[in-house]
Amino acid sequence: MAAERGGAVERGAVVGDGEAGQGGGVAEGGGAAAGGRAEAAAGRAEAAGMRTVQRAIDILGLFDESRPALSLREIVAASGLPKTTVLRILGTLRLNGLLWVDEHGRYVAGPALLRWSRLAERAWRLPPGARAILRDLAAEHKETVHLYVRRDVHRVCIAQEEGPQTLRQVVRVGDELPLWAGGVAKALLMDAPESLLARVADTSPYGSAHLDTLRGWVFMARARGYATSHGEREEGLSAVAVPVRGRGGAVVAALSFGGPSTRFSEERVRGFAEALRTAAEELARAGLPFEG
């Protein structure tokens, strides 16, 4: 009996060990669940943080040459955010010197942006050889030359050389324009995947219905090696553009002539395209500071 009891005890011990193991499994499961909840909470916090950052960037984007100073009411109306949210973001931007308040109580660009402006100008400054290429193009063909890069579904002018004509296209360095139309846009999108073309089309006034038009434009630009536009984005303005390719062959920028459509005859457009292609190859050899 004692042996049986001992056996029973032994069997009980085994059962006990098993229960202990199950208990450990429950503890482990509870730990995993808690870890999952913590990870989900961290993910939500990160998403909220990114949303706040994007809102701050959007508010800074409301300021431009035509609106250098904005009142609180104007910022709330333009951003579409609750006033309390706007006040909180403005407070943080002011604390970091990215915004300032003028004597009229309006918000203006802050002094911290002066340092960032110098850094950006230095990072995006063309080397002397590249600058000379733009200067020679403008002097020889008497039209304004622009150099653009793509930023997501926009294009940004990073350099220009004005032509000598009194009537000319005015685009300032730093200006950001849409990608859904224009010769420059087509040149920048020559190697674009379908997903990017679809996103660009969605930003147009025509929505996704613009995708087929965009595909056709890009196809034609690839076939010719250059792109043109006549009054697509703004009536009376024309452009001729070519891609500038980097060391790996990818499109890194677009070089263009822009001006009144009356000066962009078929004959001149062909001459512009040839000159731009040659200049784009020279730019690639000279090296561009933003190519990476």
C-alpha atoms as a PDB file:
ATOM      1  CA  MET A   1       0.000   0.000   0.000  1.00  0.00           C
ATOM      2  CA  ALA A   2       2.811   2.268   0.863  1.00  0.00           C
ATOM      3  CA  ALA A   3       4.311   1.599  -2.485  1.00  0.00           C
ATOM      4  CA  GLU A   4       0.969   2.272  -4.087  1.00  0.00           C
ATOM      5  CA  ARG A   5       0.671   5.411  -2.050  1.00  0.00           C
ATOM      6  CA  GLY A   6       4.193   6.257  -3.059  1.00  0.00           C
ATOM      7  CA  GLY A   7       3.237   5.558  -6.629  1.00  0.00           C
ATOM      8  CA  ALA A   8       0.220   7.722  -6.163  1.00  0.00           C
ATOM      9  CA  VAL A   9       2.389  10.379  -4.745  1.00  0.00           C
ATOM     10  CA  GLU A  10       4.728  10.044  -7.680  1.00  0.00           C
ATOM     11  CA  ARG A  11       1.848  10.203 -10.109  1.00  0.00           C
ATOM     12  CA  GLY A  12       0.560  13.195  -8.234  1.00  0.00           C
ATOM     13  CA  ALA A  13       3.944  14.798  -8.522  1.00  0.00           C
ATOM     14  CA  VAL A  14       3.905  14.279 -12.238  1.00  0.00           C
ATOM     15  CA  VAL A  15       0.435  15.746 -12.459  1.00  0.00           C
ATOM     16  CA  GLY A  16       1.555  18.624 -10.297  1.00  0.00           C
ATOM     17  CA  ASP A  17       4.506  19.288 -12.591  1.00  0.00           C
ATOM     18  CA  GLY A  18       2.187  19.268 -15.557  1.00  0.00           C
ATOM     19  CA  GLU A  19      -0.133  21.727 -13.905  1.00  0.00           C
ATOM     20  CA  ALA A  20       2.795  23.896 -13.029  1.00  0.00           C
ATOM     21  CA  GLY A  21       3.830  23.782 -16.671  1.00  0.00           C
ATOM     22  CA  GLN A  22       0.319  24.730 -17.730  1.00  0.00           C
ATOM     23  CA  GLY A  23       0.365  27.547 -15.254  1.00  0.00           C
ATOM     24  CA  GLY A  24       3.631  28.709 -16.759  1.00  0.00           C
ATOM     25  CA  GLY A  25       1.990  28.520 -20.186  1.00  0.00           C
ATOM     26  CA  VAL A  26      -0.856  30.722 -18.993  1.00  0.00           C
ATOM     27  CA  ALA A  27       1.652  33.183 -17.588  1.00  0.00           C
ATOM     28  CA  GLU A  28       3.535  33.144 -20.865  1.00  0.00           C
ATOM     29  CA  GLY A  29       0.311  33.685 -22.794  1.00  0.00           C
ATOM     30  CA  GLY A  30      -0.605  36.546 -20.524  1.00  0.00           C
ATOM     31  CA  GLY A  31       2.841  38.054 -21.056  1.00  0.00           C
ATOM     32  CA  ALA A  32       2.496  37.748 -24.823  1.00  0.00           C
ATOM     33  CA  ALA A  33      -0.935  39.391 -24.730  1.00  0.00           C
ATOM     34  CA  ALA A  34       0.390  42.209 -22.582  1.00  0.00           C
ATOM     35  CA  GLY A  35       3.321  42.618 -24.963  1.00  0.00           C
ATOM     36  CA  GLY A  36       0.927  42.756 -27.896  1.00  0.00           C
ATOM     37  CA  ARG A  37      -1.171  45.419 -26.206  1.00  0.00           C
ATOM     38  CA  ALA A  38       1.940  47.434 -25.395  1.00  0.00           C
ATOM     39  CA  GLU A  39       3.125  47.152 -28.986  1.00  0.00           C
ATOM     40  CA  ALA A  40      -0.276  48.231 -30.293  1.00  0.00           C
ATOM     41  CA  ALA A  41      -0.295  51.179 -27.892  1.00  0.00           C
ATOM     42  CA  ALA A  42       3.207  52.145 -29.030  1.00  0.00           C
ATOM     43  CA  GLY A  43       2.059  51.946 -32.638  1.00  0.00           C
ATOM     44  CA  ARG A  44      -0.903  54.217 -31.925  1.00  0.00           C
ATOM     45  CA  ALA A  45       1.337  56.680 -30.112  1.00  0.00           C
ATOM     46  CA  GLU A  46       3.774  56.704 -33.025  1.00  0.00           C
ATOM     47  CA  ALA A  47       0.955  57.279 -35.511  1.00  0.00           C
ATOM     48  CA  ALA A  48      -0.376  60.131 -33.395  1.00  0.00           C
ATOM     49  CA  GLY A  49       3.107  61.631 -33.209  1.00  0.00           C
ATOM     50  CA  MET A  50       3.542  61.406 -36.988  1.00  0.00           C
ATOM     51  CA  ARG A  51       0.130  63.026 -37.459  1.00  0.00           C
ATOM     52  CA  THR A  52       1.165  65.922 -35.240  1.00  0.00           C
ATOM     53  CA  VAL A  53       4.420  66.369 -37.147  1.00  0.00           C
ATOM     54  CA  GLN A  54       2.551  66.387 -40.461  1.00  0.00           C
ATOM     55  CA  ARG A  55       0.089  68.966 -39.141  1.00  0.00           C
ATOM     56  CA  ALA A  56       2.968  71.206 -38.072  1.00  0.00           C
ATOM     57  CA  ILE A  57       4.538  70.882 -41.538  1.00  0.00           C
ATOM     58  CA  ASP A  58       1.188  71.654 -43.163  1.00  0.00           C
ATOM     59  CA  ILE A  59       0.845  74.808 -41.072  1.00  0.00           C
ATOM     60  CA  LEU A  60       4.339  75.958 -42.068  1.00  0.00           C
ATOM     61  CA  GLY A  61       3.358  75.264 -45.680  1.00  0.00           C
ATOM     62  CA  LEU A  62       0.573  77.853 -45.454  1.00  0.00           C
ATOM     63  CA  PHE A  63       3.182  80.630 -45.532  1.00  0.00           C
ATOM     64  CA  ASP A  64       4.521  81.808 -48.892  1.00  0.00           C
ATOM     65  CA  GLU A  65       5.472  84.985 -50.750  1.00  0.00           C
ATOM     66  CA  SER A  66       1.834  85.953 -51.191  1.00  0.00           C
ATOM     67  CA  ARG A  67       1.002  85.202 -47.531  1.00  0.00           C
ATOM     68  CA  PRO A  68       4.112  85.972 -45.468  1.00  0.00           C
ATOM     69  CA  ALA A  69       2.060  86.767 -42.344  1.00  0.00           C
ATOM     70  CA  LEU A  70      -1.058  84.976 -41.109  1.00  0.00           C
ATOM     71  CA  SER A  71      -3.396  85.570 -38.204  1.00  0.00           C
ATOM     72  CA  LEU A  72      -4.544  82.783 -35.925  1.00  0.00           C
ATOM     73  CA  ARG A  73      -8.000  82.921 -37.505  1.00  0.00           C
ATOM     74  CA  GLU A  74      -6.515  82.563 -41.003  1.00  0.00           C
ATOM     75  CA  ILE A  75      -4.390  79.581 -39.947  1.00  0.00           C
ATOM     76  CA  VAL A  76      -7.356  77.833 -38.328  1.00  0.00           C
ATOM     77  CA  ALA A  77      -9.502  78.413 -41.424  1.00  0.00           C
ATOM     78  CA  ALA A  78      -6.819  77.309 -43.881  1.00  0.00           C
ATOM     79  CA  SER A  79      -5.703  74.245 -41.922  1.00  0.00           C
ATOM     80  CA  GLY A  80      -9.182  72.992 -41.043  1.00  0.00           C
ATOM     81  CA  LEU A  81      -7.925  72.003 -37.597  1.00  0.00           C
ATOM     82  CA  PRO A  82      -9.573  72.815 -34.256  1.00  0.00           C
ATOM     83  CA  LYS A  83      -8.386  76.076 -32.741  1.00  0.00           C
ATOM     84  CA  THR A  84      -7.000  74.307 -29.654  1.00  0.00           C
ATOM     85  CA  THR A  85      -4.895  72.005 -31.845  1.00  0.00           C
ATOM     86  CA  VAL A  86      -3.612  74.923 -33.907  1.00  0.00           C
ATOM     87  CA  LEU A  87      -2.688  76.882 -30.768  1.00  0.00           C
ATOM     88  CA  ARG A  88      -0.756  73.916 -29.390  1.00  0.00           C
ATOM     89  CA  ILE A  89       1.189  73.430 -32.630  1.00  0.00           C
ATOM     90  CA  LEU A  90       1.858  77.156 -33.029  1.00  0.00           C
ATOM     91  CA  GLY A  91       3.188  77.263 -29.488  1.00  0.00           C
ATOM     92  CA  THR A  92       5.666  74.476 -30.230  1.00  0.00           C
ATOM     93  CA  LEU A  93       6.749  76.100 -33.495  1.00  0.00           C
ATOM     94  CA  ARG A  94       7.282  79.421 -31.735  1.00  0.00           C
ATOM     95  CA  LEU A  95       9.216  77.757 -28.931  1.00  0.00           C
ATOM     96  CA  ASN A  96      11.612  76.320 -31.512  1.00  0.00           C
ATOM     97  CA  GLY A  97      11.957  79.584 -33.446  1.00  0.00           C
ATOM     98  CA  LEU A  98      10.248  78.276 -36.578  1.00  0.00           C
ATOM     99  CA  LEU A  99       7.487  80.871 -36.261  1.00  0.00           C
ATOM    100  CA  TRP A 100       7.425  84.354 -34.742  1.00  0.00           C
ATOM    101  CA  VAL A 101       4.714  86.887 -33.910  1.00  0.00           C
ATOM    102  CA  ASP A 102       4.962  90.346 -35.445  1.00  0.00           C
ATOM    103  CA  GLU A 103       3.787  93.652 -34.009  1.00  0.00           C
ATOM    104  CA  HIS A 104       0.284  93.059 -35.366  1.00  0.00           C
ATOM    105  CA  GLY A 105      -0.058  89.692 -33.650  1.00  0.00           C
ATOM    106  CA  ARG A 106       0.319  87.766 -36.906  1.00  0.00           C
ATOM    107  CA  TYR A 107       2.532  84.745 -37.328  1.00  0.00           C
ATOM    108  CA  VAL A 108       5.590  85.039 -39.578  1.00  0.00           C
ATOM    109  CA  ALA A 109       8.590  82.849 -40.409  1.00  0.00           C
ATOM    110  CA  GLY A 110      10.894  82.523 -37.416  1.00  0.00           C
ATOM    111  CA  PRO A 111      14.630  83.204 -37.146  1.00  0.00           C
ATOM    112  CA  ALA A 112      15.539  79.508 -36.861  1.00  0.00           C
ATOM    113  CA  LEU A 113      14.579  79.157 -40.529  1.00  0.00           C
ATOM    114  CA  LEU A 114      17.455  81.469 -41.480  1.00  0.00           C
ATOM    115  CA  ARG A 115      19.962  78.795 -40.498  1.00  0.00           C
ATOM    116  CA  TRP A 116      17.990  76.087 -42.300  1.00  0.00           C
ATOM    117  CA  SER A 117      17.774  78.312 -45.368  1.00  0.00           C
ATOM    118  CA  ARG A 118      21.565  78.659 -45.462  1.00  0.00           C
ATOM    119  CA  LEU A 119      21.976  74.894 -45.103  1.00  0.00           C
ATOM    120  CA  ALA A 120      19.506  74.210 -47.913  1.00  0.00           C
ATOM    121  CA  GLU A 121      21.111  76.782 -50.202  1.00  0.00           C
ATOM    122  CA  ARG A 122      24.513  75.191 -49.625  1.00  0.00           C
ATOM    123  CA  ALA A 123      23.228  71.639 -50.131  1.00  0.00           C
ATOM    124  CA  TRP A 124      21.373  72.436 -53.369  1.00  0.00           C
ATOM    125  CA  ARG A 125      23.816  74.924 -54.887  1.00  0.00           C
ATOM    126  CA  LEU A 126      24.920  73.870 -58.360  1.00  0.00           C
ATOM    127  CA  PRO A 127      28.664  73.555 -58.961  1.00  0.00           C
ATOM    128  CA  PRO A 128      30.161  76.337 -61.117  1.00  0.00           C
ATOM    129  CA  GLY A 129      30.335  74.128 -64.207  1.00  0.00           C
ATOM    130  CA  ALA A 130      26.649  73.246 -64.003  1.00  0.00           C
ATOM    131  CA  ARG A 131      25.700  76.869 -63.360  1.00  0.00           C
ATOM    132  CA  ALA A 132      27.620  77.912 -66.480  1.00  0.00           C
ATOM    133  CA  ILE A 133      25.662  75.392 -68.580  1.00  0.00           C
ATOM    134  CA  LEU A 134      22.356  77.025 -67.594  1.00  0.00           C
ATOM    135  CA  ARG A 135      23.784  80.498 -68.167  1.00  0.00           C
ATOM    136  CA  ASP A 136      25.004  79.620 -71.670  1.00  0.00           C
ATOM    137  CA  LEU A 137      21.652  78.042 -72.601  1.00  0.00           C
ATOM    138  CA  ALA A 138      19.700  81.149 -71.598  1.00  0.00           C
ATOM    139  CA  ALA A 139      22.108  83.477 -73.405  1.00  0.00           C
ATOM    140  CA  GLU A 140      22.171  81.481 -76.640  1.00  0.00           C
ATOM    141  CA  HIS A 141      18.455  80.719 -76.945  1.00  0.00           C
ATOM    142  CA  LYS A 142      17.124  83.839 -75.206  1.00  0.00           C
ATOM    143  CA  GLU A 143      14.623  81.937 -73.057  1.00  0.00           C
ATOM    144  CA  THR A 144      14.543  81.259 -69.311  1.00  0.00           C
ATOM    145  CA  VAL A 145      16.057  77.945 -68.232  1.00  0.00           C
ATOM    146  CA  HIS A 146      14.842  75.960 -65.224  1.00  0.00           C
ATOM    147  CA  LEU A 147      16.112  72.896 -63.418  1.00  0.00           C
ATOM    148  CA  TYR A 148      13.557  70.870 -61.437  1.00  0.00           C
ATOM    149  CA  VAL A 149      13.534  67.816 -59.211  1.00  0.00           C
ATOM    150  CA  ARG A 150      10.577  65.685 -58.175  1.00  0.00           C
ATOM    151  CA  ARG A 151       9.265  65.698 -54.626  1.00  0.00           C
ATOM    152  CA  ASP A 152       6.633  62.996 -54.392  1.00  0.00           C
ATOM    153  CA  VAL A 153       3.745  64.273 -56.575  1.00  0.00           C
ATOM    154  CA  HIS A 154       5.225  67.756 -56.994  1.00  0.00           C
ATOM    155  CA  ARG A 155       8.135  69.338 -58.808  1.00  0.00           C
ATOM    156  CA  VAL A 156      10.444  71.872 -57.219  1.00  0.00           C
ATOM    157  CA  CYS A 157      12.533  74.465 -59.075  1.00  0.00           C
ATOM    158  CA  ILE A 158      16.079  74.277 -57.713  1.00  0.00           C
ATOM    159  CA  ALA A 159      17.862  76.530 -60.217  1.00  0.00           C
ATOM    160  CA  GLN A 160      17.047  78.961 -62.972  1.00  0.00           C
ATOM    161  CA  GLU A 161      18.707  81.345 -65.376  1.00  0.00           C
ATOM    162  CA  GLU A 162      16.497  84.101 -66.749  1.00  0.00           C
ATOM    163  CA  GLY A 163      16.483  84.878 -70.440  1.00  0.00           C
ATOM    164  CA  PRO A 164      16.966  88.416 -71.744  1.00  0.00           C
ATOM    165  CA  GLN A 165      13.402  88.792 -73.067  1.00  0.00           C
ATOM    166  CA  THR A 166      11.156  91.324 -71.308  1.00  0.00           C
ATOM    167  CA  LEU A 167       8.159  88.967 -71.531  1.00  0.00           C
ATOM    168  CA  ARG A 168       9.190  85.720 -69.847  1.00  0.00           C
ATOM    169  CA  GLN A 169       7.982  82.982 -67.543  1.00  0.00           C
ATOM    170  CA  VAL A 170       8.574  83.709 -63.868  1.00  0.00           C
ATOM    171  CA  VAL A 171       9.270  80.755 -61.589  1.00  0.00           C
ATOM    172  CA  ARG A 172      11.330  81.348 -58.471  1.00  0.00           C
ATOM    173  CA  VAL A 173      13.860  78.922 -57.043  1.00  0.00           C
ATOM    174  CA  GLY A 174      12.047  76.910 -54.398  1.00  0.00           C
ATOM    175  CA  ASP A 175       8.644  77.177 -56.079  1.00  0.00           C
ATOM    176  CA  GLU A 176       6.694  73.928 -55.930  1.00  0.00           C
ATOM    177  CA  LEU A 177       4.338  73.042 -58.790  1.00  0.00           C
ATOM    178  CA  PRO A 178       2.093  70.055 -59.555  1.00  0.00           C
ATOM    179  CA  LEU A 179       3.175  67.064 -61.637  1.00  0.00           C
ATOM    180  CA  TRP A 180      -0.118  66.368 -63.410  1.00  0.00           C
ATOM    181  CA  ALA A 181       0.662  68.641 -66.378  1.00  0.00           C
ATOM    182  CA  GLY A 182       3.494  70.471 -68.107  1.00  0.00           C
ATOM    183  CA  GLY A 183       6.566  69.542 -70.090  1.00  0.00           C
ATOM    184  CA  VAL A 184       8.748  69.371 -66.990  1.00  0.00           C
ATOM    185  CA  ALA A 185       6.327  66.985 -65.299  1.00  0.00           C
ATOM    186  CA  LYS A 186       6.390  64.629 -68.280  1.00  0.00           C
ATOM    187  CA  ALA A 187      10.188  64.624 -68.337  1.00  0.00           C
ATOM    188  CA  LEU A 188      10.386  63.876 -64.612  1.00  0.00           C
ATOM    189  CA  LEU A 189       7.852  61.051 -64.989  1.00  0.00           C
ATOM    190  CA  MET A 190       9.522  59.314 -67.934  1.00  0.00           C
ATOM    191  CA  ASP A 191      10.598  56.341 -65.799  1.00  0.00           C
ATOM    192  CA  ALA A 192       7.729  56.547 -63.304  1.00  0.00           C
ATOM    193  CA  PRO A 193       5.970  53.322 -62.265  1.00  0.00           C
ATOM    194  CA  GLU A 194       2.232  52.958 -62.754  1.00  0.00           C
ATOM    195  CA  SER A 195       1.593  53.498 -59.039  1.00  0.00           C
ATOM    196  CA  LEU A 196       3.212  56.951 -59.127  1.00  0.00           C
ATOM    197  CA  LEU A 197       1.327  57.962 -62.281  1.00  0.00           C
ATOM    198  CA  ALA A 198      -1.922  56.972 -60.562  1.00  0.00           C
ATOM    199  CA  ARG A 199      -1.109  59.084 -57.499  1.00  0.00           C
ATOM    200  CA  VAL A 200      -0.190  62.061 -59.685  1.00  0.00           C
ATOM    201  CA  ALA A 201      -3.431  61.705 -61.649  1.00  0.00           C
ATOM    202  CA  ASP A 202      -5.407  61.751 -58.397  1.00  0.00           C
ATOM    203  CA  THR A 203      -3.984  65.215 -57.604  1.00  0.00           C
ATOM    204  CA  SER A 204      -5.214  66.670 -60.891  1.00  0.00           C
ATOM    205  CA  PRO A 205      -8.526  68.521 -61.303  1.00  0.00           C
ATOM    206  CA  TYR A 206      -9.758  65.492 -63.268  1.00  0.00           C
ATOM    207  CA  GLY A 207      -8.952  62.854 -60.655  1.00  0.00           C
ATOM    208  CA  SER A 208      -8.221  59.264 -61.663  1.00  0.00           C
ATOM    209  CA  ALA A 209      -9.758  59.894 -65.106  1.00  0.00           C
ATOM    210  CA  HIS A 210      -6.543  61.799 -65.926  1.00  0.00           C
ATOM    211  CA  LEU A 211      -4.433  58.625 -65.703  1.00  0.00           C
ATOM    212  CA  ASP A 212      -4.902  57.612 -69.351  1.00  0.00           C
ATOM    213  CA  THR A 213      -3.933  61.109 -70.515  1.00  0.00           C
ATOM    214  CA  LEU A 214      -0.872  61.033 -68.294  1.00  0.00           C
ATOM    215  CA  ARG A 215       0.144  57.617 -69.638  1.00  0.00           C
ATOM    216  CA  GLY A 216      -0.135  58.913 -73.206  1.00  0.00           C
ATOM    217  CA  TRP A 217       1.950  61.998 -72.473  1.00  0.00           C
ATOM    218  CA  VAL A 218       4.703  59.988 -70.800  1.00  0.00           C
ATOM    219  CA  PHE A 219       4.712  57.405 -73.600  1.00  0.00           C
ATOM    220  CA  MET A 220       5.167  60.147 -76.193  1.00  0.00           C
ATOM    221  CA  ALA A 221       7.913  61.821 -74.149  1.00  0.00           C
ATOM    222  CA  ARG A 222       9.802  58.523 -73.861  1.00  0.00           C
ATOM    223  CA  ALA A 223       9.529  57.944 -77.603  1.00  0.00           C
ATOM    224  CA  ARG A 224      10.831  61.424 -78.495  1.00  0.00           C
ATOM    225  CA  GLY A 225      13.327  61.790 -75.653  1.00  0.00           C
ATOM    226  CA  TYR A 226      11.857  65.147 -74.673  1.00  0.00           C
ATOM    227  CA  ALA A 227       8.517  66.598 -73.592  1.00  0.00           C
ATOM    228  CA  THR A 228       6.513  69.662 -74.547  1.00  0.00           C
ATOM    229  CA  SER A 229       3.483  71.490 -73.240  1.00  0.00           C
ATOM    230  CA  HIS A 230       1.388  74.355 -74.576  1.00  0.00           C
ATOM    231  CA  GLY A 231      -1.064  75.952 -72.173  1.00  0.00           C
ATOM    232  CA  GLU A 232      -1.667  72.748 -70.204  1.00  0.00           C
ATOM    233  CA  ARG A 233      -1.347  74.286 -66.773  1.00  0.00           C
ATOM    234  CA  GLU A 234      -1.531  77.978 -67.593  1.00  0.00           C
ATOM    235  CA  GLU A 235      -2.868  79.432 -70.826  1.00  0.00           C
ATOM    236  CA  GLY A 236      -0.292  81.183 -72.999  1.00  0.00           C
ATOM    237  CA  LEU A 237       2.741  79.398 -71.517  1.00  0.00           C
ATOM    238  CA  SER A 238       4.788  76.704 -73.218  1.00  0.00           C
ATOM    239  CA  ALA A 239       7.712  74.541 -72.174  1.00  0.00           C
ATOM    240  CA  VAL A 240      10.205  72.066 -73.578  1.00  0.00           C
ATOM    241  CA  ALA A 241      11.939  69.723 -71.140  1.00  0.00           C
ATOM    242  CA  VAL A 242      14.349  66.795 -71.090  1.00  0.00           C
ATOM    243  CA  PRO A 243      15.293  64.414 -68.291  1.00  0.00           C
ATOM    244  CA  VAL A 244      18.656  64.673 -66.573  1.00  0.00           C
ATOM    245  CA  ARG A 245      19.868  61.194 -65.709  1.00  0.00           C
ATOM    246  CA  GLY A 246      22.172  60.252 -62.864  1.00  0.00           C
ATOM    247  CA  ARG A 247      25.088  57.850 -62.780  1.00  0.00           C
ATOM    248  CA  GLY A 248      22.769  54.851 -62.616  1.00  0.00           C
ATOM    249  CA  GLY A 249      20.642  56.019 -65.538  1.00  0.00           C
ATOM    250  CA  ALA A 250      17.617  57.052 -63.463  1.00  0.00           C
ATOM    251  CA  VAL A 251      15.896  60.406 -63.970  1.00  0.00           C
ATOM    252  CA  VAL A 252      17.114  62.735 -61.208  1.00  0.00           C
ATOM    253  CA  ALA A 253      16.028  66.112 -62.605  1.00  0.00           C
ATOM    254  CA  ALA A 254      14.465  67.865 -65.585  1.00  0.00           C
ATOM    255  CA  LEU A 255      15.969  70.725 -67.576  1.00  0.00           C
ATOM    256  CA  SER A 256      13.604  73.047 -69.423  1.00  0.00           C
ATOM    257  CA  PHE A 257      12.955  76.176 -71.425  1.00  0.00           C
ATOM    258  CA  GLY A 258       9.765  78.027 -70.551  1.00  0.00           C
ATOM    259  CA  GLY A 259       8.096  81.103 -71.981  1.00  0.00           C
ATOM    260  CA  PRO A 260       5.188  82.576 -73.952  1.00  0.00           C
ATOM    261  CA  SER A 261       3.634  80.121 -76.414  1.00  0.00           C
ATOM    262  CA  THR A 262       3.999  82.631 -79.261  1.00  0.00           C
ATOM    263  CA  ARG A 263       7.778  82.068 -79.164  1.00  0.00           C
ATOM    264  CA  PHE A 264       7.567  78.261 -79.085  1.00  0.00           C
ATOM    265  CA  SER A 265       7.015  77.386 -82.735  1.00  0.00           C
ATOM    266  CA  GLU A 266       7.601  73.809 -83.935  1.00  0.00           C
ATOM    267  CA  GLU A 267      10.962  74.767 -85.414  1.00  0.00           C
ATOM    268  CA  ARG A 268      12.157  76.468 -82.247  1.00  0.00           C
ATOM    269  CA  VAL A 269      10.873  73.599 -80.088  1.00  0.00           C
ATOM    270  CA  ARG A 270      13.014  71.124 -82.053  1.00  0.00           C
ATOM    271  CA  GLY A 271      16.042  73.379 -81.613  1.00  0.00           C
ATOM    272  CA  PHE A 272      15.314  73.801 -77.900  1.00  0.00           C
ATOM    273  CA  ALA A 273      15.018  70.043 -77.433  1.00  0.00           C
ATOM    274  CA  GLU A 274      18.364  69.360 -79.094  1.00  0.00           C
ATOM    275  CA  ALA A 275      20.123  72.035 -77.043  1.00  0.00           C
ATOM    276  CA  LEU A 276      18.542  70.787 -73.814  1.00  0.00           C
ATOM    277  CA  ARG A 277      19.552  67.169 -74.516  1.00  0.00           C
ATOM    278  CA  THR A 278      23.163  68.184 -75.030  1.00  0.00           C
ATOM    279  CA  ALA A 279      23.106  70.342 -71.897  1.00  0.00           C
ATOM    280  CA  ALA A 280      21.519  67.539 -69.835  1.00  0.00           C
ATOM    281  CA  GLU A 281      24.378  65.211 -70.780  1.00  0.00           C
ATOM    282  CA  GLU A 282      26.884  67.908 -69.799  1.00  0.00           C
ATOM    283  CA  LEU A 283      25.089  68.397 -66.477  1.00  0.00           C
ATOM    284  CA  ALA A 284      25.281  64.682 -65.766  1.00  0.00           C
ATOM    285  CA  ARG A 285      29.022  64.732 -66.451  1.00  0.00           C
ATOM    286  CA  ALA A 286      29.515  67.858 -64.338  1.00  0.00           C
ATOM    287  CA  GLY A 287      27.770  66.156 -61.431  1.00  0.00           C
ATOM    288  CA  LEU A 288      24.783  67.305 -59.425  1.00  0.00           C
ATOM    289  CA  PRO A 289      24.982  67.827 -55.651  1.00  0.00           C
ATOM    290  CA  PHE A 290      21.634  66.151 -54.949  1.00  0.00           C
ATOM    291  CA  GLU A 291      22.178  62.955 -56.891  1.00  0.00           C
ATOM    292  CA  GLY A 292      23.356  61.073 -53.817  1.00  0.00           C
END
